[in-house]
């Protein structure tokens, strides 16, 4: 069909002529697609947050290697003092393992 108005009218007529079962199936499929898109957005957000957290921990690790103060590292990275202590312990353990 080359007439745009005729094509639009045909599409509207086709939509109006759907049975109730067809409408329900269409709406269900549409809901499924929206739900899947929302799941993908959630996964994307979680991956971004994990990447940010890993970057903060890597920065904390590098600052600890350079003997920076834990309070300073917490202010710079936003990590808790407890988390920085855990990173420090892991760093000490790694160094001890390498020296053996």
Protein backbone atom coordinates (compact mmCIF):
# COMPACT_ATOMS: atom_id res chain seq x y z
CA UNK A 1 0.00 0.00 0.00
CA UNK A 2 1.40 3.31 -1.04
CA UNK A 3 -1.24 5.59 0.49
CA UNK A 4 -0.06 6.31 4.06
CA UNK A 5 -3.56 7.25 5.29
CA UNK A 6 -5.01 4.05 3.91
CA UNK A 7 -2.24 2.04 5.56
CA UNK A 8 -2.87 3.73 8.92
CA UNK A 9 -6.62 3.13 8.60
CA UNK A 10 -5.97 -0.53 7.77
CA UNK A 11 -3.71 -0.91 10.85
CA UNK A 12 -6.33 0.69 13.11
CA UNK A 13 -9.05 -1.54 11.62
CA UNK A 14 -6.84 -4.59 12.17
CA UNK A 15 -6.26 -3.63 15.83
CA UNK A 16 -9.98 -3.04 16.40
CA UNK A 17 -10.91 -6.36 14.86
CA UNK A 18 -8.78 -8.42 17.23
CA UNK A 19 -10.64 -10.86 19.42
CA UNK A 20 -10.53 -10.53 23.18
CA UNK A 21 -8.16 -13.50 23.33
CA UNK A 22 -5.85 -11.82 20.80
CA UNK A 23 -5.87 -8.58 22.82
CA UNK A 24 -5.05 -10.47 26.03
CA UNK A 25 -2.25 -12.38 24.27
CA UNK A 26 -0.87 -9.13 22.86
CA UNK A 27 -0.99 -7.40 26.23
CA UNK A 28 0.64 -10.38 27.94
CA UNK A 29 3.44 -10.40 25.40
CA UNK A 30 3.91 -6.66 25.79
CA UNK A 31 4.07 -7.02 29.59
CA UNK A 32 6.64 -9.81 29.22
CA UNK A 33 8.80 -7.60 26.99
CA UNK A 34 8.62 -4.69 29.44
CA UNK A 35 9.44 -7.00 32.36
CA UNK A 36 12.49 -8.37 30.52
CA UNK A 37 13.68 -4.85 29.73
CA UNK A 38 13.33 -3.92 33.40
CA UNK A 39 15.35 -6.99 34.42
CA UNK A 40 18.11 -6.04 31.99
CA UNK A 41 18.19 -2.50 33.40
CA UNK A 42 18.46 -3.91 36.93
CA UNK A 43 21.34 -6.19 35.94
CA UNK A 44 23.07 -3.31 34.17
CA UNK A 45 22.72 -1.10 37.26
CA UNK A 46 24.02 -3.86 39.57
CA UNK A 47 27.01 -4.44 37.28
CA UNK A 48 27.81 -0.73 37.26
CA UNK A 49 27.61 -0.59 41.05
CA UNK A 50 29.86 -3.63 41.37
CA UNK A 51 32.39 -2.04 39.02
CA UNK A 52 32.37 1.17 41.05
CA UNK A 53 32.84 -0.78 44.29
CA UNK A 54 35.73 -2.78 42.81
CA UNK A 55 37.38 0.45 41.62
CA UNK A 56 37.08 1.96 45.11
CA UNK A 57 38.66 -1.15 46.61
CA UNK A 58 41.50 -1.05 44.09
CA UNK A 59 42.15 2.60 44.95
CA UNK A 60 42.09 1.74 48.67
CA UNK A 61 44.52 -1.10 48.03
CA UNK A 62 46.91 1.21 46.15
CA UNK A 63 46.73 3.84 48.89
CA UNK A 64 47.42 1.21 51.55
CA UNK A 65 50.45 0.02 49.61
CA UNK A 66 51.68 3.61 49.78
CA UNK A 67 51.14 3.70 53.56
CA UNK A 68 48.27 6.18 53.51
CA UNK A 69 46.14 6.63 56.65
CA UNK A 70 42.97 4.53 56.84
CA UNK A 71 40.85 7.56 57.78
CA UNK A 72 42.15 9.41 54.71
CA UNK A 73 41.44 6.39 52.48
CA UNK A 74 37.90 6.20 53.83
CA UNK A 75 37.31 9.87 53.04
CA UNK A 76 38.71 9.50 49.52
CA UNK A 77 36.94 6.26 48.55
CA UNK A 78 33.80 6.41 50.65
CA UNK A 79 34.52 2.89 51.91
CA UNK A 80 33.93 2.10 55.55
CA UNK A 81 36.88 1.88 57.92
CA UNK A 82 35.98 -1.77 58.49
CA UNK A 83 36.12 -2.54 54.75
CA UNK A 84 39.50 -0.82 54.46
CA UNK A 85 40.77 -2.85 57.42
CA UNK A 86 39.65 -6.01 55.59
CA UNK A 87 41.51 -4.91 52.47
CA UNK A 88 44.57 -4.15 54.59
CA UNK A 89 44.45 -7.60 56.20
CA UNK A 90 44.13 -9.22 52.77
CA UNK A 91 47.12 -7.19 51.59
CA UNK A 92 49.20 -8.25 54.61
CA UNK A 93 48.20 -11.88 54.07
CA UNK A 94 49.18 -11.69 50.40
CA UNK A 95 52.55 -10.19 51.30
CA UNK A 96 53.15 -12.87 53.94
CA UNK A 97 52.27 -15.61 51.43
CA UNK A 98 54.67 -14.14 48.85
CA UNK A 99 57.53 -13.96 51.35
CA UNK A 100 57.29 -17.66 52.17
